[in-house]
Amino acid sequence: MPWRYVLDIANGIKRLGHDCIILTDNNLTQAKKWVNKDTIVYQIKGRFSFRNNNFTNLVNKIGPDAIYFPVSRKSAISGRLSNVGNILAIAYFPGSWLNLRTIWRTLPKLSFFQAFVYAAESLIPGSLLVKKLKKRKTAGLIALSSYTTGCLIHCGWSASKIKTIPPGLDPIPTAMSYSETFKKHSVYNKSKTSFLYMGPPEKIRGIFCLLKAFDLAADRADDITLACLLRHDSYTEFNGVFKAHASLRHKERIILITDSLNKPNLATFIKASDVVVLPFLLVPSEIPLAVIEALSLGKPLIITESGGTSQFVKEAAMVIPPNNVEALKNAIVNIASRYEMRKKMGLKAKEIASRHPRWEQVSKELFEFTQQMLPTKELHLSQ
């Protein structure tokens, strides 16, 4: 699960006046950016078996009334569900509900390890996870999309013990923030139809497929440009993206931007664009914040079929098969030439965003769901 989701919920629970502690075996660098100074984060170090013992000992020492822990279909066979005794345990399913039918053609584009992990996730029956959670006496289950919730219910989990709680929506900036980065790339805004990609330069995000498809689309449409806001994450592939860009015929119409942007500056780029393109090979975690940000600013999307995420965007997006250069090229050409369609999709995007919960509501919904499982106690929470 993205740090952002965990940390914002923890911060929100603290603002509700309750204790919330985060336990992680990841590096704490990312936490410092988002976590409230009053939210406690413990890092558990060591090999898995040792970490598992440290985790159990730390939970017993803290003595929370409830604990949230991440699961996937692989959890059904991995044995990575820690025993927390009689503490109320609520699982959350952060990933997409993968289907081999939709991801098989993307696997050759991934590293061997990634392909193995995602193929295994798509093949393991969800019913095995449900059985294991029941055996561990898990009280409740949280999914991040309605689609995943439906899949878990279909696999045997009780509809009364599951809640869909997606990532929240940030406050929408009301004014444009014309940073030096934006001004430097102002040529990007003079096009009749401007496309925007935002995210790390990683194969799994579909950036290489997008560069090829856009180059082909530019052969047919001479009034389109593409700006790529390349975020600095772990395991990014900047060199590969720069090399791919250098080989394109229409590289002068594709701008690669590596500057770090704050929220107002990011919003300015989104507002200035006509279409946001997020051609994931597959979606590791639902629902990507880039999708929610685009919807909140009324932008139509081109997105790949990805289960919960592609269903979430509904009529606000053109949905295409993943890792399909031809389909992506055609979608770019099609939407570039149809202003009225883009306008209609943009209005639908705003409608979807208007119903979407803010981060404060997300934290409140999670807390209330926990109260349903344990209604008579003052809660002290651990994630």
Protein backbone atom coordinates (compact mmCIF):
# COMPACT_ATOMS: atom_id res chain seq x y z
CA MET A 1 0.00 0.00 0.00
CA PRO A 2 1.30 3.45 -0.83
CA TRP A 3 2.76 5.29 2.15
CA ARG A 4 0.50 8.19 1.36
CA TYR A 5 -2.66 6.18 2.10
CA VAL A 6 -1.41 4.76 5.38
CA LEU A 7 0.06 8.02 6.65
CA ASP A 8 -2.87 10.23 5.73
CA ILE A 9 -5.30 7.85 7.41
CA ALA A 10 -3.09 7.72 10.50
CA ASN A 11 -2.92 11.51 10.58
CA GLY A 12 -6.68 11.70 10.16
CA ILE A 13 -7.32 9.31 13.04
CA LYS A 14 -5.04 11.42 15.23
CA ARG A 15 -7.08 14.49 14.30
CA LEU A 16 -10.20 12.61 15.40
CA GLY A 17 -8.61 12.43 18.86
CA HIS A 18 -7.46 8.80 18.90
CA ASP A 19 -4.09 7.10 19.13
CA CYS A 20 -2.63 5.56 15.98
CA ILE A 21 0.80 3.94 15.61
CA ILE A 22 2.36 2.79 12.32
CA LEU A 23 4.58 -0.30 12.19
CA THR A 24 6.65 -0.85 9.04
CA ASP A 25 9.56 -2.86 7.73
CA ASN A 26 10.21 -0.26 5.02
CA ASN A 27 12.59 2.68 5.03
CA LEU A 28 11.22 5.65 6.97
CA THR A 29 12.44 8.31 4.52
CA GLN A 30 9.07 8.55 2.74
CA ALA A 31 7.22 8.78 6.04
CA LYS A 32 8.92 12.03 6.99
CA LYS A 33 7.27 13.83 4.06
CA TRP A 34 3.69 13.06 5.03
CA VAL A 35 3.45 12.00 8.66
CA ASN A 36 2.07 14.29 11.33
CA LYS A 37 4.69 15.07 13.97
CA ASP A 38 2.40 13.51 16.60
CA THR A 39 2.03 10.20 14.72
CA ILE A 40 4.45 7.52 15.87
CA VAL A 41 6.17 5.31 13.28
CA TYR A 42 8.21 2.26 14.29
CA GLN A 43 10.54 0.54 11.84
CA ILE A 44 10.94 -3.23 12.26
CA LYS A 45 14.30 -4.46 10.97
CA GLY A 46 15.79 -7.87 10.23
CA ARG A 47 15.04 -10.92 8.10
CA PHE A 48 11.38 -11.89 7.74
CA SER A 49 11.24 -14.54 10.47
CA PHE A 50 13.03 -12.20 12.86
CA ARG A 51 10.87 -9.23 11.81
CA ASN A 52 7.75 -11.34 12.35
CA ASN A 53 8.78 -12.07 15.93
CA ASN A 54 9.68 -8.41 16.50
CA PHE A 55 6.33 -7.38 15.07
CA THR A 56 4.37 -9.69 17.36
CA ASN A 57 6.39 -8.64 20.40
CA LEU A 58 5.95 -4.94 19.60
CA VAL A 59 2.20 -5.30 19.07
CA ASN A 60 1.86 -7.12 22.38
CA LYS A 61 3.88 -4.38 24.08
CA ILE A 62 1.77 -1.56 22.58
CA GLY A 63 -1.48 -3.35 23.31
CA PRO A 64 -3.72 -1.71 20.69
CA ASP A 65 -7.44 -2.39 20.55
CA ALA A 66 -7.27 -2.94 16.80
CA ILE A 67 -4.61 -3.62 14.20
CA TYR A 68 -4.74 -3.23 10.42
CA PHE A 69 -2.52 -5.39 8.23
CA PRO A 70 -2.08 -5.63 4.43
CA VAL A 71 -2.95 -8.79 2.50
CA SER A 72 -2.91 -10.02 -1.08
CA ARG A 73 -3.91 -13.30 -2.69
CA LYS A 74 -0.28 -14.39 -2.22
CA SER A 75 -0.87 -14.10 1.53
CA ALA A 76 -2.93 -17.28 1.24
CA ILE A 77 0.23 -19.33 0.68
CA SER A 78 3.06 -17.15 2.00
CA GLY A 79 2.48 -17.56 5.71
CA ARG A 80 3.11 -13.83 6.22
CA LEU A 81 0.01 -13.21 8.34
CA SER A 82 1.30 -12.57 11.83
CA ASN A 83 -0.46 -13.93 14.89
CA VAL A 84 -1.70 -11.05 17.05
CA GLY A 85 -3.62 -13.09 19.58
CA ASN A 86 -6.95 -11.65 20.71
CA ILE A 87 -6.41 -8.16 19.27
CA LEU A 88 -9.11 -7.13 16.82
CA ALA A 89 -7.53 -7.70 13.38
CA ILE A 90 -8.74 -5.93 10.24
CA ALA A 91 -7.08 -6.75 6.93
CA TYR A 92 -6.79 -4.34 4.02
CA PHE A 93 -6.28 -5.31 0.38
CA PRO A 94 -4.25 -2.47 -1.23
CA GLY A 95 -3.46 -4.05 -4.58
CA SER A 96 -5.52 -4.50 -7.72
CA TRP A 97 -7.50 -7.68 -8.19
CA LEU A 98 -5.39 -9.01 -11.04
CA ASN A 99 -6.76 -11.16 -13.84
CA LEU A 100 -4.34 -13.17 -15.96
CA ARG A 101 -6.57 -12.57 -18.98
CA THR A 102 -5.81 -8.84 -18.87
CA ILE A 103 -2.19 -8.87 -17.69
CA TRP A 104 -0.68 -11.78 -19.63
CA ARG A 105 0.58 -9.60 -22.49
CA THR A 106 2.21 -7.18 -20.03
CA LEU A 107 4.31 -9.78 -18.21
CA PRO A 108 7.12 -9.98 -20.83
CA LYS A 109 7.71 -6.24 -20.34
CA LEU A 110 8.43 -6.65 -16.64
CA SER A 111 11.50 -7.97 -14.87
CA PHE A 112 11.48 -11.71 -14.17
CA PHE A 113 10.80 -11.09 -10.49
CA GLN A 114 7.92 -8.67 -11.15
CA ALA A 115 6.39 -10.97 -13.75
CA PHE A 116 6.56 -13.93 -11.37
CA VAL A 117 5.01 -11.98 -8.49
CA TYR A 118 2.10 -10.58 -10.51
CA ALA A 119 1.45 -13.83 -12.38
CA ALA A 120 1.29 -15.69 -9.07
CA GLU A 121 -1.05 -13.05 -7.64
CA SER A 122 -3.41 -13.43 -10.60
CA LEU A 123 -3.45 -17.24 -10.43
CA ILE A 124 -3.94 -17.87 -6.70
CA PRO A 125 -7.66 -18.31 -5.96
CA GLY A 126 -9.09 -15.56 -3.81
CA SER A 127 -11.07 -18.20 -1.93
CA LEU A 128 -7.80 -19.44 -0.38
CA LEU A 129 -7.13 -15.98 1.04
CA VAL A 130 -10.66 -15.78 2.42
CA LYS A 131 -10.29 -19.16 4.12
CA LYS A 132 -6.99 -18.15 5.68
CA LEU A 133 -8.39 -14.84 6.95
CA LYS A 134 -11.34 -16.63 8.49
CA LYS A 135 -9.01 -19.17 10.08
CA ARG A 136 -7.03 -16.29 11.62
CA LYS A 137 -10.33 -14.86 12.91
CA THR A 138 -9.94 -11.62 10.98
CA ALA A 139 -12.80 -9.36 12.02
CA GLY A 140 -13.09 -7.19 8.92
CA LEU A 141 -11.64 -6.47 5.52
CA ILE A 142 -11.02 -3.19 3.68
CA ALA A 143 -10.69 -2.90 -0.10
CA LEU A 144 -9.69 0.20 -2.04
CA SER A 145 -12.17 -0.19 -4.91
CA SER A 146 -15.72 -1.44 -5.31
CA TYR A 147 -14.51 -3.94 -7.90
CA THR A 148 -12.10 -5.57 -5.44
CA THR A 149 -14.80 -5.58 -2.77
CA GLY A 150 -17.09 -7.45 -5.15
CA CYS A 151 -14.35 -9.98 -5.99
CA LEU A 152 -13.69 -10.71 -2.30
CA ILE A 153 -17.41 -11.17 -1.61
CA HIS A 154 -17.63 -13.50 -4.61
CA CYS A 155 -14.76 -15.51 -3.09
CA GLY A 156 -16.71 -16.07 0.12
CA TRP A 157 -16.10 -13.07 2.37
CA SER A 158 -19.17 -11.71 4.15
CA ALA A 159 -20.59 -8.53 2.63
CA SER A 160 -21.32 -7.24 6.15
CA LYS A 161 -17.65 -7.47 7.11
CA ILE A 162 -16.04 -5.61 4.23
CA LYS A 163 -15.82 -1.90 3.44
CA THR A 164 -14.66 -0.05 0.34
CA ILE A 165 -12.41 2.82 1.44
CA PRO A 166 -10.46 4.35 -1.49
CA PRO A 167 -7.62 6.86 -1.21
CA GLY A 168 -8.90 10.34 -0.41
CA LEU A 169 -9.13 13.51 -2.43
CA ASP A 170 -6.88 16.45 -1.63
CA PRO A 171 -8.31 19.98 -1.48
CA ILE A 172 -8.59 21.32 -5.02
CA PRO A 173 -6.33 24.36 -5.65
CA THR A 174 -8.38 27.37 -6.67
CA ALA A 175 -5.60 29.35 -8.34
CA MET A 176 -2.94 28.52 -10.91
CA SER A 177 0.65 28.42 -9.62
CA TYR A 178 2.96 29.47 -12.44
CA SER A 179 6.26 28.05 -11.25
CA GLU A 180 9.53 28.52 -13.12
CA THR A 181 9.19 24.92 -14.30
CA PHE A 182 5.79 25.66 -15.80
CA LYS A 183 6.97 28.87 -17.45
CA LYS A 184 10.01 27.11 -18.88
CA HIS A 185 7.78 24.61 -20.64
CA SER A 186 5.06 27.06 -21.64
CA VAL A 187 5.33 25.91 -25.27
CA TYR A 188 3.54 22.77 -24.11
CA ASN A 189 0.38 24.83 -23.48
CA LYS A 190 0.18 26.41 -26.93
CA SER A 191 -0.88 23.21 -28.63
CA LYS A 192 -4.51 22.69 -29.60
CA THR A 193 -4.54 19.39 -27.70
CA SER A 194 -2.04 18.73 -24.92
CA PHE A 195 -1.56 15.39 -23.21
CA LEU A 196 -0.06 14.84 -19.77
CA TYR A 197 1.61 11.83 -18.17
CA MET A 198 2.53 11.93 -14.50
CA GLY A 199 4.31 9.32 -12.46
CA PRO A 200 7.68 7.61 -12.14
CA PRO A 201 9.48 6.55 -15.34
CA GLU A 202 8.89 2.83 -14.84
CA LYS A 203 7.89 0.13 -17.31
CA ILE A 204 4.98 -0.91 -15.14
CA ARG A 205 3.50 2.59 -15.57
CA GLY A 206 3.42 2.19 -19.35
CA ILE A 207 5.73 5.12 -20.11
CA PHE A 208 7.66 3.28 -22.84
CA CYS A 209 4.45 2.16 -24.52
CA LEU A 210 3.19 5.76 -24.36
CA LEU A 211 6.31 7.22 -26.01
CA LYS A 212 5.99 4.79 -28.95
CA ALA A 213 2.25 5.33 -29.30
CA PHE A 214 2.48 9.11 -29.15
CA ASP A 215 5.22 9.19 -31.76
CA LEU A 216 2.95 7.21 -34.09
CA ALA A 217 -0.04 9.40 -33.25
CA ALA A 218 2.00 12.50 -34.08
CA ASP A 219 2.35 11.17 -37.63
CA ARG A 220 -1.43 11.62 -38.01
CA ALA A 221 -2.05 14.64 -35.79
CA ASP A 222 0.26 17.65 -36.10
CA ASP A 223 -1.40 19.64 -33.32
CA ILE A 224 -0.69 17.45 -30.28
CA THR A 225 2.02 17.57 -27.62
CA LEU A 226 2.87 15.44 -24.60
CA ALA A 227 4.36 16.53 -21.27
CA CYS A 228 5.71 13.82 -18.96
CA LEU A 229 6.06 14.75 -15.28
CA LEU A 230 8.59 12.15 -14.17
CA ARG A 231 8.50 11.55 -10.43
CA HIS A 232 11.62 10.40 -8.57
CA ASP A 233 10.71 7.09 -6.94
CA SER A 234 12.74 4.01 -6.13
CA TYR A 235 13.69 1.77 -9.06
CA THR A 236 12.94 4.39 -11.69
CA GLU A 237 14.29 4.04 -15.23
CA PHE A 238 15.25 7.59 -16.22
CA ASN A 239 18.11 6.55 -18.50
CA GLY A 240 15.89 4.19 -20.44
CA VAL A 241 13.21 6.84 -20.89
CA PHE A 242 15.73 9.46 -22.05
CA LYS A 243 17.18 6.99 -24.52
CA ALA A 244 13.76 6.04 -25.87
CA HIS A 245 12.83 9.71 -26.19
CA ALA A 246 16.00 10.50 -28.13
CA SER A 247 15.12 7.89 -30.76
CA LEU A 248 11.65 9.30 -31.54
CA ARG A 249 10.83 11.13 -34.77
CA HIS A 250 8.67 13.73 -33.02
CA LYS A 251 10.69 14.17 -29.85
CA GLU A 252 10.39 17.97 -30.07
CA ARG A 253 6.68 17.57 -29.24
CA ILE A 254 7.34 15.45 -26.14
CA ILE A 255 8.68 17.21 -23.06
CA LEU A 256 10.30 15.25 -20.22
CA ILE A 257 10.11 17.18 -16.94
CA THR A 258 12.11 15.92 -13.97
CA ASP A 259 11.71 18.88 -11.60
CA SER A 260 10.15 18.20 -8.22
CA LEU A 261 6.69 19.81 -8.06
CA ASN A 262 4.56 20.69 -5.08
CA LYS A 263 0.80 20.18 -5.15
CA PRO A 264 -0.16 23.64 -6.54
CA ASN A 265 2.43 23.34 -9.31
CA LEU A 266 1.28 19.83 -10.19
CA ALA A 267 -2.31 21.07 -10.30
CA THR A 268 -1.28 23.84 -12.71
CA PHE A 269 0.13 21.31 -15.18
CA ILE A 270 -3.02 19.20 -14.91
CA LYS A 271 -5.29 22.23 -15.44
CA ALA A 272 -3.29 23.31 -18.48
CA SER A 273 -3.58 19.90 -20.13
CA ASP A 274 -6.49 18.61 -22.20
CA VAL A 275 -6.10 14.89 -21.50
CA VAL A 276 -4.26 12.89 -18.84
CA VAL A 277 -2.74 9.62 -20.10
CA LEU A 278 -2.00 6.84 -17.58
CA PRO A 279 -1.29 3.69 -19.60
CA PHE A 280 -0.40 1.31 -16.74
CA LEU A 281 0.79 -2.15 -17.73
CA LEU A 282 -0.96 -3.07 -14.50
CA VAL A 283 -1.97 -1.11 -11.41
CA PRO A 284 0.01 -2.27 -8.35
CA SER A 285 -2.12 -0.34 -5.83
CA GLU A 286 -5.63 1.04 -6.10
CA ILE A 287 -6.66 3.72 -6.83
CA PRO A 288 -3.67 5.71 -8.14
CA LEU A 289 -3.65 9.24 -6.78
CA ALA A 290 -2.86 10.57 -10.27
CA VAL A 291 -6.26 9.28 -11.40
CA ILE A 292 -8.05 11.02 -8.53
CA GLU A 293 -6.12 14.26 -9.11
CA ALA A 294 -7.04 14.29 -12.80
CA LEU A 295 -10.71 13.68 -12.08
CA SER A 296 -10.82 16.40 -9.43
CA LEU A 297 -9.65 18.95 -12.00
CA GLY A 298 -12.13 17.79 -14.62
CA LYS A 299 -9.71 16.13 -17.00
CA PRO A 300 -10.62 13.20 -19.26
CA LEU A 301 -8.26 10.24 -19.14
CA ILE A 302 -6.84 7.56 -21.36
CA ILE A 303 -6.26 4.58 -19.11
CA THR A 304 -5.68 0.88 -19.52
CA GLU A 305 -8.05 -1.85 -18.40
CA SER A 306 -7.08 -2.49 -14.79
CA GLY A 307 -10.03 -3.85 -12.85
CA GLY A 308 -11.03 -1.54 -10.03
CA THR A 309 -9.26 1.56 -11.32
CA SER A 310 -10.63 1.46 -14.87
CA GLN A 311 -14.13 0.77 -13.51
CA PHE A 312 -13.79 3.67 -11.09
CA VAL A 313 -13.18 6.26 -13.82
CA LYS A 314 -16.25 5.07 -15.79
CA GLU A 315 -17.36 7.48 -18.54
CA ALA A 316 -14.55 9.92 -17.76
CA ALA A 317 -11.96 7.83 -19.59
CA MET A 318 -11.16 5.96 -22.75
CA VAL A 319 -10.22 2.46 -21.55
CA ILE A 320 -7.84 0.44 -23.71
CA PRO A 321 -5.99 -2.89 -23.36
CA PRO A 322 -2.65 -2.67 -21.50
CA ASN A 323 0.64 -2.74 -23.40
CA ASN A 324 -1.07 -2.15 -26.74
CA VAL A 325 0.74 0.54 -28.73
CA GLU A 326 -1.77 0.49 -31.57
CA ALA A 327 -4.79 0.90 -29.28
CA LEU A 328 -3.08 3.72 -27.38
CA LYS A 329 -2.11 5.49 -30.61
CA ASN A 330 -5.70 5.30 -31.87
CA ALA A 331 -7.08 6.57 -28.56
CA ILE A 332 -4.74 9.59 -28.66
CA VAL A 333 -5.70 10.46 -32.24
CA ASN A 334 -9.40 9.91 -31.55
CA ILE A 335 -9.69 12.01 -28.41
CA ALA A 336 -7.47 14.78 -29.85
CA SER A 337 -9.90 15.37 -32.69
CA ARG A 338 -13.11 15.30 -30.63
CA TYR A 339 -13.45 18.39 -28.46
CA GLU A 340 -17.09 17.78 -27.53
CA MET A 341 -16.29 14.27 -26.35
CA ARG A 342 -13.45 15.59 -24.19
CA LYS A 343 -15.76 18.23 -22.72
CA LYS A 344 -18.40 15.62 -21.88
CA MET A 345 -15.79 13.33 -20.30
CA GLY A 346 -14.39 16.25 -18.30
CA LEU A 347 -17.83 16.99 -16.84
CA LYS A 348 -18.17 13.32 -15.92
CA ALA A 349 -14.75 13.48 -14.26
CA LYS A 350 -15.90 16.37 -12.06
CA GLU A 351 -19.08 14.48 -11.21
CA ILE A 352 -17.11 11.42 -10.06
CA ALA A 353 -14.75 13.61 -8.04
CA SER A 354 -17.65 15.45 -6.39
CA ARG A 355 -18.81 12.16 -4.85
CA HIS A 356 -15.34 11.05 -3.82
CA PRO A 357 -14.41 11.30 -0.12
CA ARG A 358 -11.78 13.73 1.14
CA TRP A 359 -8.96 12.36 3.31
CA GLU A 360 -10.75 13.40 6.49
CA GLN A 361 -13.79 11.36 5.47
CA VAL A 362 -11.61 8.36 4.56
CA SER A 363 -10.13 8.30 8.08
CA LYS A 364 -13.57 8.71 9.61
CA GLU A 365 -15.01 5.83 7.54
CA LEU A 366 -12.18 3.53 8.56
CA PHE A 367 -12.64 4.43 12.22
CA GLU A 368 -16.40 3.93 12.06
CA PHE A 369 -15.96 0.57 10.36
CA THR A 370 -13.61 -0.44 13.16
CA GLN A 371 -16.19 0.65 15.73
CA GLN A 372 -18.72 -1.64 14.09
CA MET A 373 -16.36 -4.52 14.75
CA LEU A 374 -15.55 -3.37 18.30
CA PRO A 375 -18.33 -0.96 19.34
CA THR A 376 -17.89 -0.78 23.10
CA LYS A 377 -14.26 0.31 23.55
CA GLU A 378 -12.16 3.42 23.16
CA LEU A 379 -9.87 2.49 20.27
CA HIS A 380 -6.08 2.73 20.17
CA LEU A 381 -5.08 1.85 16.64
CA SER A 382 -2.02 0.38 14.95
CA GLN A 383 -1.39 -0.01 11.22
